Each structure stands twice: as structure tokens, then as C-alpha cells.
Amino acid sequence: MRQFLILGIFIYIYKSGKTTTKDIADRFEVSPRTVYRYINSISEAGVPIITKSGYGGGVYIMDGFKLESLFYTEEERKKIEKILA
């Protein structure tokens, strides 16, 4: 379950462009502290994820990062989208 949650958070950030930890926590029904732990896991996996606090801050993935569709099949993509719906 934890892996699906981390993947869901990654995809949510990737699709939204820029969001907040509060928005992620509300969306996935976890605490902001859990969101930060999962963001750290995503970062350790090699995704250049940025967190900035204060006005104009948020959570986003560094410009230029592209997720290659080779990482998952079409069927897996549909399952992921169902989880996020």
C-alpha cells in the first residue's frame, strides 16, 4: 500500500505542476509529516523534486524532468489513474 501511495503522490505532483504539502495531505488523507517522508523517498529514487516554503512556495518537480512511458505498461497506467480518481 505504501508504494502505491508514494507513486500516487509522485504522479499527483507531476500532473499538477506545483502544489502544496497541505493539498497533498488532504488529497491522500495523510499527515503533512508523512507527505514530507514520501517526498524524501521520491527524491531518493532520483526524481528532482523541489519544496519551497513561504509565499509562492510549494512542491514541484524540477523543470525539464520527463517521465518516460517505458516505466509502465498501458494497463499499469490505467490502474494508477483509477487509484488517483
N, C-alpha and C. Protein backbone atom coordinates (compact mmCIF):
# COMPACT_ATOMS: atom_id res chain seq x y z
N MET A 1 0.82 -1.20 0.00
CA MET A 1 0.00 0.00 0.00
C MET A 1 0.87 1.26 0.00
N ARG A 2 1.93 1.24 0.80
CA ARG A 2 2.81 2.40 0.90
C ARG A 2 3.39 2.78 -0.47
N GLN A 3 3.79 1.78 -1.24
CA GLN A 3 4.38 2.05 -2.55
C GLN A 3 3.37 2.71 -3.48
N PHE A 4 2.11 2.27 -3.42
CA PHE A 4 1.09 2.87 -4.26
C PHE A 4 0.83 4.32 -3.85
N LEU A 5 0.89 4.58 -2.56
CA LEU A 5 0.69 5.93 -2.06
C LEU A 5 1.82 6.85 -2.52
N ILE A 6 3.05 6.37 -2.43
CA ILE A 6 4.19 7.16 -2.89
C ILE A 6 4.08 7.41 -4.38
N LEU A 7 3.74 6.38 -5.14
CA LEU A 7 3.57 6.54 -6.58
C LEU A 7 2.44 7.51 -6.89
N GLY A 8 1.34 7.41 -6.15
CA GLY A 8 0.22 8.31 -6.36
C GLY A 8 0.61 9.75 -6.08
N ILE A 9 1.36 9.99 -5.02
CA ILE A 9 1.82 11.34 -4.69
C ILE A 9 2.74 11.86 -5.78
N PHE A 10 3.65 11.02 -6.25
CA PHE A 10 4.54 11.43 -7.34
C PHE A 10 3.75 11.84 -8.57
N ILE A 11 2.81 11.02 -8.97
CA ILE A 11 2.03 11.32 -10.18
C ILE A 11 1.18 12.57 -9.98
N TYR A 12 0.64 12.74 -8.79
CA TYR A 12 -0.16 13.94 -8.49
C TYR A 12 0.70 15.20 -8.63
N ILE A 13 1.89 15.18 -8.07
CA ILE A 13 2.80 16.33 -8.20
C ILE A 13 3.20 16.52 -9.65
N TYR A 14 3.50 15.44 -10.33
CA TYR A 14 3.93 15.51 -11.73
C TYR A 14 2.84 16.13 -12.61
N LYS A 15 1.60 15.71 -12.40
CA LYS A 15 0.49 16.21 -13.22
C LYS A 15 0.08 17.63 -12.84
N SER A 16 0.13 17.96 -11.55
CA SER A 16 -0.34 19.28 -11.12
C SER A 16 0.68 20.38 -11.40
N GLY A 17 1.92 20.02 -11.57
CA GLY A 17 2.95 21.03 -11.83
C GLY A 17 3.49 21.64 -10.55
N LYS A 18 2.60 22.19 -9.74
CA LYS A 18 3.00 22.78 -8.46
C LYS A 18 1.82 22.66 -7.51
N THR A 19 2.11 22.22 -6.31
CA THR A 19 1.07 22.03 -5.31
C THR A 19 1.65 22.32 -3.93
N THR A 20 0.89 22.05 -2.91
CA THR A 20 1.38 22.26 -1.54
C THR A 20 1.32 20.95 -0.77
N THR A 21 2.09 20.87 0.29
CA THR A 21 2.05 19.66 1.11
C THR A 21 0.67 19.50 1.75
N LYS A 22 0.04 20.61 2.10
CA LYS A 22 -1.31 20.53 2.68
C LYS A 22 -2.30 19.95 1.67
N ASP A 23 -2.21 20.38 0.43
CA ASP A 23 -3.08 19.86 -0.62
C ASP A 23 -2.85 18.36 -0.80
N ILE A 24 -1.60 17.94 -0.82
CA ILE A 24 -1.27 16.52 -0.98
C ILE A 24 -1.80 15.73 0.22
N ALA A 25 -1.57 16.26 1.43
CA ALA A 25 -2.02 15.58 2.65
C ALA A 25 -3.54 15.42 2.65
N ASP A 26 -4.25 16.46 2.25
CA ASP A 26 -5.71 16.39 2.19
C ASP A 26 -6.18 15.40 1.14
N ARG A 27 -5.55 15.45 -0.01
CA ARG A 27 -5.94 14.58 -1.14
C ARG A 27 -5.77 13.10 -0.80
N PHE A 28 -4.64 12.77 -0.15
CA PHE A 28 -4.33 11.37 0.12
C PHE A 28 -4.63 10.95 1.57
N GLU A 29 -5.23 11.86 2.33
CA GLU A 29 -5.64 11.59 3.70
C GLU A 29 -4.50 11.07 4.57
N VAL A 30 -3.38 11.80 4.53
CA VAL A 30 -2.22 11.52 5.38
C VAL A 30 -1.79 12.82 6.04
N SER A 31 -0.88 12.75 6.97
CA SER A 31 -0.39 13.96 7.64
C SER A 31 0.66 14.66 6.77
N PRO A 32 0.84 15.96 6.97
CA PRO A 32 1.90 16.66 6.24
C PRO A 32 3.29 16.04 6.49
N ARG A 33 3.50 15.54 7.71
CA ARG A 33 4.78 14.90 8.02
C ARG A 33 4.99 13.66 7.14
N THR A 34 3.93 12.88 6.94
CA THR A 34 4.00 11.72 6.06
C THR A 34 4.30 12.15 4.63
N VAL A 35 3.69 13.24 4.20
CA VAL A 35 3.94 13.76 2.85
C VAL A 35 5.42 14.07 2.69
N TYR A 36 6.03 14.72 3.67
CA TYR A 36 7.46 15.04 3.59
C TYR A 36 8.32 13.78 3.55
N ARG A 37 7.95 12.75 4.31
CA ARG A 37 8.70 11.49 4.26
C ARG A 37 8.61 10.86 2.87
N TYR A 38 7.41 10.89 2.30
CA TYR A 38 7.23 10.30 0.96
C TYR A 38 7.93 11.13 -0.11
N ILE A 39 7.92 12.44 0.04
CA ILE A 39 8.65 13.30 -0.90
C ILE A 39 10.14 12.97 -0.84
N ASN A 40 10.64 12.72 0.36
CA ASN A 40 12.04 12.33 0.51
C ASN A 40 12.31 11.00 -0.21
N SER A 41 11.40 10.05 -0.10
CA SER A 41 11.54 8.77 -0.80
C SER A 41 11.55 8.97 -2.32
N ILE A 42 10.68 9.84 -2.81
CA ILE A 42 10.63 10.14 -4.24
C ILE A 42 11.95 10.75 -4.68
N SER A 43 12.46 11.66 -3.90
CA SER A 43 13.74 12.30 -4.21
C SER A 43 14.89 11.29 -4.23
N GLU A 44 14.89 10.38 -3.25
CA GLU A 44 15.94 9.35 -3.18
C GLU A 44 15.89 8.42 -4.39
N ALA A 45 14.72 8.30 -5.01
CA ALA A 45 14.56 7.47 -6.19
C ALA A 45 15.10 8.14 -7.45
N GLY A 46 15.54 9.39 -7.32
CA GLY A 46 16.15 10.07 -8.46
C GLY A 46 15.30 11.14 -9.11
N VAL A 47 14.14 11.42 -8.54
CA VAL A 47 13.28 12.46 -9.10
C VAL A 47 13.68 13.81 -8.49
N PRO A 48 14.00 14.79 -9.33
CA PRO A 48 14.41 16.10 -8.80
C PRO A 48 13.22 16.91 -8.30
N ILE A 49 12.80 16.64 -7.09
CA ILE A 49 11.61 17.27 -6.51
C ILE A 49 12.06 18.43 -5.62
N ILE A 50 11.36 19.55 -5.74
CA ILE A 50 11.71 20.77 -5.03
C ILE A 50 10.59 21.11 -4.05
N THR A 51 10.96 21.52 -2.82
CA THR A 51 9.99 22.05 -1.87
C THR A 51 10.47 23.43 -1.43
N LYS A 52 9.58 24.40 -1.51
CA LYS A 52 9.89 25.76 -1.08
C LYS A 52 8.81 26.22 -0.13
N SER A 53 9.22 26.85 0.96
CA SER A 53 8.24 27.36 1.91
C SER A 53 7.99 28.84 1.66
N GLY A 54 6.94 29.33 2.28
CA GLY A 54 6.63 30.75 2.18
C GLY A 54 5.78 31.10 0.98
N TYR A 55 5.60 32.41 0.80
CA TYR A 55 4.77 32.92 -0.30
C TYR A 55 5.34 32.47 -1.64
N GLY A 56 4.50 31.91 -2.48
CA GLY A 56 4.92 31.44 -3.80
C GLY A 56 5.63 30.10 -3.77
N GLY A 57 5.72 29.51 -2.59
CA GLY A 57 6.38 28.22 -2.46
C GLY A 57 5.46 27.07 -2.82
N GLY A 58 5.92 25.89 -2.57
CA GLY A 58 5.13 24.71 -2.86
C GLY A 58 6.01 23.52 -3.15
N VAL A 59 5.42 22.51 -3.71
CA VAL A 59 6.12 21.28 -4.07
C VAL A 59 5.99 21.12 -5.57
N TYR A 60 7.11 20.89 -6.23
CA TYR A 60 7.07 20.68 -7.67
C TYR A 60 8.29 19.90 -8.12
N ILE A 61 8.24 19.42 -9.34
CA ILE A 61 9.35 18.68 -9.93
C ILE A 61 10.12 19.64 -10.83
N MET A 62 11.43 19.58 -10.72
CA MET A 62 12.30 20.49 -11.46
C MET A 62 11.99 20.48 -12.95
N ASP A 63 12.01 21.68 -13.54
CA ASP A 63 11.76 21.81 -14.98
C ASP A 63 12.70 20.91 -15.77
N GLY A 64 12.19 20.34 -16.83
CA GLY A 64 13.00 19.51 -17.71
C GLY A 64 12.91 18.02 -17.40
N PHE A 65 12.37 17.66 -16.25
CA PHE A 65 12.23 16.24 -15.91
C PHE A 65 11.09 15.65 -16.70
N LYS A 66 11.33 14.56 -17.36
CA LYS A 66 10.30 13.88 -18.14
C LYS A 66 10.19 12.43 -17.70
N LEU A 67 8.98 12.01 -17.46
CA LEU A 67 8.72 10.62 -17.09
C LEU A 67 8.53 9.82 -18.38
N GLU A 68 9.40 8.91 -18.60
CA GLU A 68 9.31 8.10 -19.82
C GLU A 68 8.23 7.03 -19.65
N SER A 69 7.43 6.85 -20.65
CA SER A 69 6.34 5.88 -20.58
C SER A 69 6.86 4.44 -20.60
N LEU A 70 8.17 4.26 -20.73
CA LEU A 70 8.73 2.92 -20.73
C LEU A 70 8.69 2.28 -19.34
N PHE A 71 8.43 3.05 -18.32
CA PHE A 71 8.46 2.54 -16.96
C PHE A 71 7.23 1.71 -16.61
N TYR A 72 6.16 1.87 -17.35
CA TYR A 72 4.96 1.11 -17.05
C TYR A 72 4.17 0.87 -18.32
N THR A 73 3.37 -0.19 -18.29
CA THR A 73 2.56 -0.55 -19.45
C THR A 73 1.27 0.27 -19.45
N GLU A 74 0.54 0.19 -20.52
CA GLU A 74 -0.74 0.89 -20.63
C GLU A 74 -1.71 0.40 -19.57
N GLU A 75 -1.72 -0.89 -19.31
CA GLU A 75 -2.60 -1.46 -18.28
C GLU A 75 -2.22 -0.92 -16.89
N GLU A 76 -0.93 -0.83 -16.60
CA GLU A 76 -0.48 -0.29 -15.32
C GLU A 76 -0.86 1.18 -15.19
N ARG A 77 -0.76 1.92 -16.28
CA ARG A 77 -1.13 3.34 -16.27
C ARG A 77 -2.61 3.51 -15.93
N LYS A 78 -3.46 2.66 -16.50
CA LYS A 78 -4.89 2.73 -16.22
C LYS A 78 -5.18 2.41 -14.75
N LYS A 79 -4.47 1.44 -14.19
CA LYS A 79 -4.65 1.11 -12.78
C LYS A 79 -4.23 2.29 -11.90
N ILE A 80 -3.14 2.94 -12.25
CA ILE A 80 -2.66 4.08 -11.49
C ILE A 80 -3.69 5.21 -11.54
N GLU A 81 -4.25 5.46 -12.71
CA GLU A 81 -5.25 6.52 -12.84
C GLU A 81 -6.51 6.21 -12.03
N LYS A 82 -6.88 4.92 -11.92
CA LYS A 82 -8.02 4.54 -11.11
C LYS A 82 -7.75 4.85 -9.63
N ILE A 83 -6.53 4.60 -9.19
CA ILE A 83 -6.15 4.87 -7.80
C ILE A 83 -6.28 6.36 -7.51
N LEU A 84 -5.88 7.18 -8.47
CA LEU A 84 -5.87 8.63 -8.26
C LEU A 84 -7.25 9.26 -8.41
N ALA A 85 -8.17 8.54 -9.03
CA ALA A 85 -9.51 9.11 -9.26
C ALA A 85 -10.33 9.23 -8.00
